Amino acid sequence: MAMNENEILQGLAEIVNEETGLDAAEVQMDKSFTEDLDIDSLSMMTIVVNAEEKFGVRIPDDEVKNLKTVRDAVSYINGAQG
């Protein structure tokens, strides 16, 4: 069953928390992964892989560079769900 954007945001926040130790409440739609959340490219790849598993979507490597903010990632996952 497809999740709504709020459910995706919560799931993504849990993944970021597991990978980085950041408080899940810090993961908000308008936050930049690199500038606001200080997530490096290695952690980002782990987050992407975990998100693919959690949400049952495929995020191609060439799309990852376009996911600059949490909103970008939530919107992409939302659109990619079957």
PDB file of N, CA and C in Angstrom:
ATOM      1  N   MET A   1       0.838  -1.192   0.000  1.00  0.00           N
ATOM      2  CA  MET A   1       0.000   0.000   0.000  1.00  0.00           C
ATOM      3  C   MET A   1       0.881   1.251   0.000  1.00  0.00           C
ATOM      4  N   ALA A   2       0.545   2.187  -0.846  1.00  0.00           N
ATOM      5  CA  ALA A   2       1.336   3.415  -0.954  1.00  0.00           C
ATOM      6  C   ALA A   2       1.175   4.264   0.310  1.00  0.00           C
ATOM      7  N   MET A   3       2.269   4.883   0.687  1.00  0.00           N
ATOM      8  CA  MET A   3       2.256   5.757   1.864  1.00  0.00           C
ATOM      9  C   MET A   3       2.034   7.193   1.415  1.00  0.00           C
ATOM     10  N   ASN A   4       1.485   8.012   2.318  1.00  0.00           N
ATOM     11  CA  ASN A   4       1.360   9.432   2.002  1.00  0.00           C
ATOM     12  C   ASN A   4       2.667  10.141   2.361  1.00  0.00           C
ATOM     13  N   GLU A   5       2.762  11.416   2.008  1.00  0.00           N
ATOM     14  CA  GLU A   5       4.022  12.140   2.204  1.00  0.00           C
ATOM     15  C   GLU A   5       4.432  12.209   3.674  1.00  0.00           C
ATOM     16  N   ASN A   6       3.463  12.339   4.564  1.00  0.00           N
ATOM     17  CA  ASN A   6       3.791  12.414   5.987  1.00  0.00           C
ATOM     18  C   ASN A   6       4.377  11.090   6.487  1.00  0.00           C
ATOM     19  N   GLU A   7       3.811   9.981   6.032  1.00  0.00           N
ATOM     20  CA  GLU A   7       4.336   8.663   6.413  1.00  0.00           C
ATOM     21  C   GLU A   7       5.732   8.443   5.840  1.00  0.00           C
ATOM     22  N   ILE A   8       5.946   8.912   4.606  1.00  0.00           N
ATOM     23  CA  ILE A   8       7.268   8.810   3.988  1.00  0.00           C
ATOM     24  C   ILE A   8       8.275   9.643   4.781  1.00  0.00           C
ATOM     25  N   LEU A   9       7.880  10.855   5.145  1.00  0.00           N
ATOM     26  CA  LEU A   9       8.755  11.728   5.933  1.00  0.00           C
ATOM     27  C   LEU A   9       9.143  11.044   7.246  1.00  0.00           C
ATOM     28  N   GLN A  10       8.185  10.461   7.928  1.00  0.00           N
ATOM     29  CA  GLN A  10       8.470   9.784   9.197  1.00  0.00           C
ATOM     30  C   GLN A  10       9.411   8.605   8.992  1.00  0.00           C
ATOM     31  N   GLY A  11       9.165   7.830   7.946  1.00  0.00           N
ATOM     32  CA  GLY A  11      10.029   6.689   7.647  1.00  0.00           C
ATOM     33  C   GLY A  11      11.435   7.125   7.289  1.00  0.00           C
ATOM     34  N   LEU A  12      11.533   8.181   6.508  1.00  0.00           N
ATOM     35  CA  LEU A  12      12.834   8.721   6.112  1.00  0.00           C
ATOM     36  C   LEU A  12      13.583   9.262   7.334  1.00  0.00           C
ATOM     37  N   ALA A  13      12.848   9.912   8.233  1.00  0.00           N
ATOM     38  CA  ALA A  13      13.454  10.435   9.463  1.00  0.00           C
ATOM     39  C   ALA A  13      14.029   9.301  10.300  1.00  0.00           C
ATOM     40  N   GLU A  14      13.323   8.169  10.363  1.00  0.00           N
ATOM     41  CA  GLU A  14      13.823   7.005  11.107  1.00  0.00           C
ATOM     42  C   GLU A  14      15.103   6.468  10.479  1.00  0.00           C
ATOM     43  N   ILE A  15      15.136   6.410   9.158  1.00  0.00           N
ATOM     44  CA  ILE A  15      16.328   5.922   8.451  1.00  0.00           C
ATOM     45  C   ILE A  15      17.508   6.852   8.714  1.00  0.00           C
ATOM     46  N   VAL A  16      17.288   8.163   8.611  1.00  0.00           N
ATOM     47  CA  VAL A  16      18.354   9.143   8.856  1.00  0.00           C
ATOM     48  C   VAL A  16      18.842   9.015  10.300  1.00  0.00           C
ATOM     49  N   ASN A  17      17.917   8.842  11.232  1.00  0.00           N
ATOM     50  CA  ASN A  17      18.283   8.693  12.639  1.00  0.00           C
ATOM     51  C   ASN A  17      19.158   7.460  12.847  1.00  0.00           C
ATOM     52  N   GLU A  18      18.780   6.341  12.229  1.00  0.00           N
ATOM     53  CA  GLU A  18      19.560   5.101  12.367  1.00  0.00           C
ATOM     54  C   GLU A  18      20.965   5.261  11.783  1.00  0.00           C
ATOM     55  N   GLU A  19      21.068   5.964  10.661  1.00  0.00           N
ATOM     56  CA  GLU A  19      22.351   6.101   9.969  1.00  0.00           C
ATOM     57  C   GLU A  19      23.259   7.136  10.628  1.00  0.00           C
ATOM     58  N   THR A  20      22.689   8.241  11.089  1.00  0.00           N
ATOM     59  CA  THR A  20      23.519   9.369  11.535  1.00  0.00           C
ATOM     60  C   THR A  20      23.412   9.679  13.021  1.00  0.00           C
ATOM     61  N   GLY A  21      22.387   9.152  13.677  1.00  0.00           N
ATOM     62  CA  GLY A  21      22.172   9.494  15.073  1.00  0.00           C
ATOM     63  C   GLY A  21      21.447  10.819  15.255  1.00  0.00           C
ATOM     64  N   LEU A  22      21.117  11.486  14.141  1.00  0.00           N
ATOM     65  CA  LEU A  22      20.366  12.745  14.208  1.00  0.00           C
ATOM     66  C   LEU A  22      18.973  12.481  14.760  1.00  0.00           C
ATOM     67  N   ASP A  23      18.482  13.388  15.574  1.00  0.00           N
ATOM     68  CA  ASP A  23      17.121  13.294  16.083  1.00  0.00           C
ATOM     69  C   ASP A  23      16.154  13.292  14.893  1.00  0.00           C
ATOM     70  N   ALA A  24      15.237  12.347  14.884  1.00  0.00           N
ATOM     71  CA  ALA A  24      14.285  12.246  13.769  1.00  0.00           C
ATOM     72  C   ALA A  24      13.487  13.540  13.596  1.00  0.00           C
ATOM     73  N   ALA A  25      13.275  14.280  14.676  1.00  0.00           N
ATOM     74  CA  ALA A  25      12.521  15.546  14.597  1.00  0.00           C
ATOM     75  C   ALA A  25      13.270  16.600  13.778  1.00  0.00           C
ATOM     76  N   GLU A  26      14.582  16.438  13.618  1.00  0.00           N
ATOM     77  CA  GLU A  26      15.377  17.378  12.823  1.00  0.00           C
ATOM     78  C   GLU A  26      15.130  17.214  11.325  1.00  0.00           C
ATOM     79  N   VAL A  27      14.642  16.048  10.929  1.00  0.00           N
ATOM     80  CA  VAL A  27      14.448  15.743   9.507  1.00  0.00           C
ATOM     81  C   VAL A  27      13.101  16.325   9.078  1.00  0.00           C
ATOM     82  N   GLN A  28      13.169  17.538   8.526  1.00  0.00           N
ATOM     83  CA  GLN A  28      11.968  18.259   8.112  1.00  0.00           C
ATOM     84  C   GLN A  28      12.037  18.542   6.620  1.00  0.00           C
ATOM     85  N   MET A  29      10.875  18.758   6.020  1.00  0.00           N
ATOM     86  CA  MET A  29      10.765  18.893   4.565  1.00  0.00           C
ATOM     87  C   MET A  29      11.704  19.931   3.964  1.00  0.00           C
ATOM     88  N   ASP A  30      11.912  21.048   4.654  1.00  0.00           N
ATOM     89  CA  ASP A  30      12.696  22.128   4.056  1.00  0.00           C
ATOM     90  C   ASP A  30      14.194  22.018   4.337  1.00  0.00           C
ATOM     91  N   LYS A  31      14.628  20.936   4.973  1.00  0.00           N
ATOM     92  CA  LYS A  31      16.042  20.785   5.326  1.00  0.00           C
ATOM     93  C   LYS A  31      16.839  20.194   4.167  1.00  0.00           C
ATOM     94  N   SER A  32      18.042  20.735   3.979  1.00  0.00           N
ATOM     95  CA  SER A  32      18.983  20.196   3.002  1.00  0.00           C
ATOM     96  C   SER A  32      19.751  19.056   3.655  1.00  0.00           C
ATOM     97  N   PHE A  33      19.912  17.953   2.938  1.00  0.00           N
ATOM     98  CA  PHE A  33      20.652  16.808   3.497  1.00  0.00           C
ATOM     99  C   PHE A  33      22.087  17.191   3.847  1.00  0.00           C
ATOM    100  N   THR A  34      22.760  17.922   2.943  1.00  0.00           N
ATOM    101  CA  THR A  34      24.174  18.221   3.174  1.00  0.00           C
ATOM    102  C   THR A  34      24.377  19.439   4.062  1.00  0.00           C
ATOM    103  N   GLU A  35      23.657  20.512   3.796  1.00  0.00           N
ATOM    104  CA  GLU A  35      23.910  21.749   4.533  1.00  0.00           C
ATOM    105  C   GLU A  35      23.264  21.782   5.909  1.00  0.00           C
ATOM    106  N   ASP A  36      21.994  21.387   6.009  1.00  0.00           N
ATOM    107  CA  ASP A  36      21.284  21.476   7.292  1.00  0.00           C
ATOM    108  C   ASP A  36      21.506  20.237   8.169  1.00  0.00           C
ATOM    109  N   LEU A  37      21.524  19.069   7.533  1.00  0.00           N
ATOM    110  CA  LEU A  37      21.615  17.824   8.302  1.00  0.00           C
ATOM    111  C   LEU A  37      23.030  17.257   8.328  1.00  0.00           C
ATOM    112  N   ASP A  38      23.945  17.866   7.562  1.00  0.00           N
ATOM    113  CA  ASP A  38      25.366  17.478   7.561  1.00  0.00           C
ATOM    114  C   ASP A  38      25.566  16.003   7.216  1.00  0.00           C
ATOM    115  N   ILE A  39      24.847  15.535   6.199  1.00  0.00           N
ATOM    116  CA  ILE A  39      24.940  14.143   5.757  1.00  0.00           C
ATOM    117  C   ILE A  39      25.916  14.070   4.592  1.00  0.00           C
ATOM    118  N   ASP A  40      26.950  13.235   4.740  1.00  0.00           N
ATOM    119  CA  ASP A  40      27.940  13.107   3.666  1.00  0.00           C
ATOM    120  C   ASP A  40      27.454  12.115   2.608  1.00  0.00           C
ATOM    121  N   SER A  41      28.196  12.033   1.516  1.00  0.00           N
ATOM    122  CA  SER A  41      27.745  11.224   0.377  1.00  0.00           C
ATOM    123  C   SER A  41      27.668   9.734   0.724  1.00  0.00           C
ATOM    124  N   LEU A  42      28.568   9.250   1.565  1.00  0.00           N
ATOM    125  CA  LEU A  42      28.540   7.837   1.947  1.00  0.00           C
ATOM    126  C   LEU A  42      27.278   7.537   2.763  1.00  0.00           C
ATOM    127  N   SER A  43      26.995   8.378   3.744  1.00  0.00           N
ATOM    128  CA  SER A  43      25.775   8.193   4.542  1.00  0.00           C
ATOM    129  C   SER A  43      24.539   8.326   3.667  1.00  0.00           C
ATOM    130  N   MET A  44      24.578   9.251   2.705  1.00  0.00           N
ATOM    131  CA  MET A  44      23.437   9.453   1.817  1.00  0.00           C
ATOM    132  C   MET A  44      23.151   8.193   1.011  1.00  0.00           C
ATOM    133  N   MET A  45      24.204   7.527   0.541  1.00  0.00           N
ATOM    134  CA  MET A  45      24.001   6.296  -0.233  1.00  0.00           C
ATOM    135  C   MET A  45      23.360   5.211   0.643  1.00  0.00           C
ATOM    136  N   THR A  46      23.795   5.124   1.899  1.00  0.00           N
ATOM    137  CA  THR A  46      23.202   4.151   2.818  1.00  0.00           C
ATOM    138  C   THR A  46      21.735   4.481   3.064  1.00  0.00           C
ATOM    139  N   ILE A  47      21.445   5.763   3.238  1.00  0.00           N
ATOM    140  CA  ILE A  47      20.063   6.204   3.446  1.00  0.00           C
ATOM    141  C   ILE A  47      19.208   5.851   2.225  1.00  0.00           C
ATOM    142  N   VAL A  48      19.754   6.067   1.032  1.00  0.00           N
ATOM    143  CA  VAL A  48      19.025   5.752  -0.207  1.00  0.00           C
ATOM    144  C   VAL A  48      18.722   4.254  -0.281  1.00  0.00           C
ATOM    145  N   VAL A  49      19.724   3.417  -0.014  1.00  0.00           N
ATOM    146  CA  VAL A  49      19.528   1.959  -0.069  1.00  0.00           C
ATOM    147  C   VAL A  49      18.455   1.537   0.939  1.00  0.00           C
ATOM    148  N   ASN A  50      18.540   2.075   2.155  1.00  0.00           N
ATOM    149  CA  ASN A  50      17.552   1.730   3.182  1.00  0.00           C
ATOM    150  C   ASN A  50      16.159   2.232   2.809  1.00  0.00           C
ATOM    151  N   ALA A  51      16.102   3.402   2.187  1.00  0.00           N
ATOM    152  CA  ALA A  51      14.809   3.949   1.749  1.00  0.00           C
ATOM    153  C   ALA A  51      14.211   3.085   0.646  1.00  0.00           C
ATOM    154  N   GLU A  52      15.057   2.622  -0.269  1.00  0.00           N
ATOM    155  CA  GLU A  52      14.569   1.743  -1.340  1.00  0.00           C
ATOM    156  C   GLU A  52      13.928   0.493  -0.744  1.00  0.00           C
ATOM    157  N   GLU A  53      14.589  -0.087   0.254  1.00  0.00           N
ATOM    158  CA  GLU A  53      14.058  -1.295   0.894  1.00  0.00           C
ATOM    159  C   GLU A  53      12.770  -0.991   1.650  1.00  0.00           C
ATOM    160  N   LYS A  54      12.779   0.076   2.433  1.00  0.00           N
ATOM    161  CA  LYS A  54      11.634   0.414   3.283  1.00  0.00           C
ATOM    162  C   LYS A  54      10.391   0.753   2.467  1.00  0.00           C
ATOM    163  N   PHE A  55      10.582   1.514   1.386  1.00  0.00           N
ATOM    164  CA  PHE A  55       9.434   2.007   0.621  1.00  0.00           C
ATOM    165  C   PHE A  55       9.161   1.209  -0.659  1.00  0.00           C
ATOM    166  N   GLY A  56      10.014   0.233  -0.961  1.00  0.00           N
ATOM    167  CA  GLY A  56       9.800  -0.591  -2.140  1.00  0.00           C
ATOM    168  C   GLY A  56       9.905   0.178  -3.441  1.00  0.00           C
ATOM    169  N   VAL A  57      10.849   1.128  -3.488  1.00  0.00           N
ATOM    170  CA  VAL A  57      11.057   1.923  -4.701  1.00  0.00           C
ATOM    171  C   VAL A  57      12.502   1.761  -5.162  1.00  0.00           C
ATOM    172  N   ARG A  58      12.767   2.199  -6.379  1.00  0.00           N
ATOM    173  CA  ARG A  58      14.124   2.195  -6.926  1.00  0.00           C
ATOM    174  C   ARG A  58      14.535   3.646  -7.114  1.00  0.00           C
ATOM    175  N   ILE A  59      15.685   4.015  -6.554  1.00  0.00           N
ATOM    176  CA  ILE A  59      16.207   5.368  -6.729  1.00  0.00           C
ATOM    177  C   ILE A  59      17.543   5.246  -7.469  1.00  0.00           C
ATOM    178  N   PRO A  60      17.543   5.479  -8.789  1.00  0.00           N
ATOM    179  CA  PRO A  60      18.781   5.336  -9.567  1.00  0.00           C
ATOM    180  C   PRO A  60      19.865   6.289  -9.066  1.00  0.00           C
ATOM    181  N   ASP A  61      21.120   5.859  -9.188  1.00  0.00           N
ATOM    182  CA  ASP A  61      22.250   6.664  -8.726  1.00  0.00           C
ATOM    183  C   ASP A  61      22.229   8.070  -9.320  1.00  0.00           C
ATOM    184  N   ASP A  62      21.835   8.193 -10.594  1.00  0.00           N
ATOM    185  CA  ASP A  62      21.846   9.515 -11.214  1.00  0.00           C
ATOM    186  C   ASP A  62      20.707  10.404 -10.703  1.00  0.00           C
ATOM    187  N   GLU A  63      19.741   9.829  -9.987  1.00  0.00           N
ATOM    188  CA  GLU A  63      18.676  10.625  -9.369  1.00  0.00           C
ATOM    189  C   GLU A  63      19.091  11.132  -7.994  1.00  0.00           C
ATOM    190  N   VAL A  64      19.984  10.406  -7.327  1.00  0.00           N
ATOM    191  CA  VAL A  64      20.353  10.745  -5.952  1.00  0.00           C
ATOM    192  C   VAL A  64      20.893  12.167  -5.863  1.00  0.00           C
ATOM    193  N   LYS A  65      21.669  12.584  -6.857  1.00  0.00           N
ATOM    194  CA  LYS A  65      22.251  13.935  -6.827  1.00  0.00           C
ATOM    195  C   LYS A  65      21.175  15.019  -6.880  1.00  0.00           C
ATOM    196  N   ASN A  66      19.986  14.677  -7.358  1.00  0.00           N
ATOM    197  CA  ASN A  66      18.883  15.641  -7.421  1.00  0.00           C
ATOM    198  C   ASN A  66      18.105  15.732  -6.110  1.00  0.00           C
ATOM    199  N   LEU A  67      18.379  14.818  -5.193  1.00  0.00           N
ATOM    200  CA  LEU A  67      17.664  14.799  -3.920  1.00  0.00           C
ATOM    201  C   LEU A  67      18.434  15.649  -2.908  1.00  0.00           C
ATOM    202  N   LYS A  68      18.289  16.942  -3.044  1.00  0.00           N
ATOM    203  CA  LYS A  68      19.060  17.874  -2.202  1.00  0.00           C
ATOM    204  C   LYS A  68      18.382  18.141  -0.863  1.00  0.00           C
ATOM    205  N   THR A  69      17.057  18.156  -0.863  1.00  0.00           N
ATOM    206  CA  THR A  69      16.326  18.416   0.377  1.00  0.00           C
ATOM    207  C   THR A  69      15.486  17.196   0.744  1.00  0.00           C
ATOM    208  N   VAL A  70      15.033  17.201   1.975  1.00  0.00           N
ATOM    209  CA  VAL A  70      14.157  16.133   2.429  1.00  0.00           C
ATOM    210  C   VAL A  70      12.889  16.110   1.574  1.00  0.00           C
ATOM    211  N   ARG A  71      12.386  17.292   1.233  1.00  0.00           N
ATOM    212  CA  ARG A  71      11.187  17.365   0.376  1.00  0.00           C
ATOM    213  C   ARG A  71      11.438  16.694  -0.980  1.00  0.00           C
ATOM    214  N   ASP A  72      12.624  16.898  -1.567  1.00  0.00           N
ATOM    215  CA  ASP A  72      12.964  16.251  -2.843  1.00  0.00           C
ATOM    216  C   ASP A  72      12.846  14.732  -2.717  1.00  0.00           C
ATOM    217  N   ALA A  73      13.403  14.200  -1.625  1.00  0.00           N
ATOM    218  CA  ALA A  73      13.399  12.748  -1.434  1.00  0.00           C
ATOM    219  C   ALA A  73      11.980  12.227  -1.192  1.00  0.00           C
ATOM    220  N   VAL A  74      11.225  12.931  -0.356  1.00  0.00           N
ATOM    221  CA  VAL A  74       9.844  12.508  -0.066  1.00  0.00           C
ATOM    222  C   VAL A  74       9.014  12.538  -1.346  1.00  0.00           C
ATOM    223  N   SER A  75       9.154  13.599  -2.131  1.00  0.00           N
ATOM    224  CA  SER A  75       8.395  13.714  -3.385  1.00  0.00           C
ATOM    225  C   SER A  75       8.786  12.609  -4.363  1.00  0.00           C
ATOM    226  N   TYR A  76      10.092  12.328  -4.455  1.00  0.00           N
ATOM    227  CA  TYR A  76      10.539  11.279  -5.374  1.00  0.00           C
ATOM    228  C   TYR A  76       9.967   9.934  -4.968  1.00  0.00           C
ATOM    229  N   ILE A  77      10.103   9.602  -3.682  1.00  0.00           N
ATOM    230  CA  ILE A  77       9.597   8.308  -3.183  1.00  0.00           C
ATOM    231  C   ILE A  77       8.089   8.220  -3.387  1.00  0.00           C
ATOM    232  N   ASN A  78       7.383   9.309  -3.097  1.00  0.00           N
ATOM    233  CA  ASN A  78       5.934   9.342  -3.265  1.00  0.00           C
ATOM    234  C   ASN A  78       5.544   9.041  -4.710  1.00  0.00           C
ATOM    235  N   GLY A  79       6.270   9.638  -5.655  1.00  0.00           N
ATOM    236  CA  GLY A  79       5.973   9.436  -7.074  1.00  0.00           C
ATOM    237  C   GLY A  79       6.403   8.081  -7.593  1.00  0.00           C
ATOM    238  N   ALA A  80       7.398   7.460  -6.928  1.00  0.00           N
ATOM    239  CA  ALA A  80       7.950   6.198  -7.412  1.00  0.00           C
ATOM    240  C   ALA A  80       7.197   4.978  -6.871  1.00  0.00           C
ATOM    241  N   GLN A  81       6.344   5.180  -5.893  1.00  0.00           N
ATOM    242  CA  GLN A  81       5.603   4.049  -5.330  1.00  0.00           C
ATOM    243  C   GLN A  81       4.632   3.485  -6.363  1.00  0.00           C
ATOM    244  N   GLY A  82       4.540   2.162  -6.359  1.00  0.00           N
ATOM    245  CA  GLY A  82       3.679   1.496  -7.325  1.00  0.00           C
ATOM    246  C   GLY A  82       2.282   1.733  -7.094  1.00  0.00           C
TER     247      GLY A  82
END
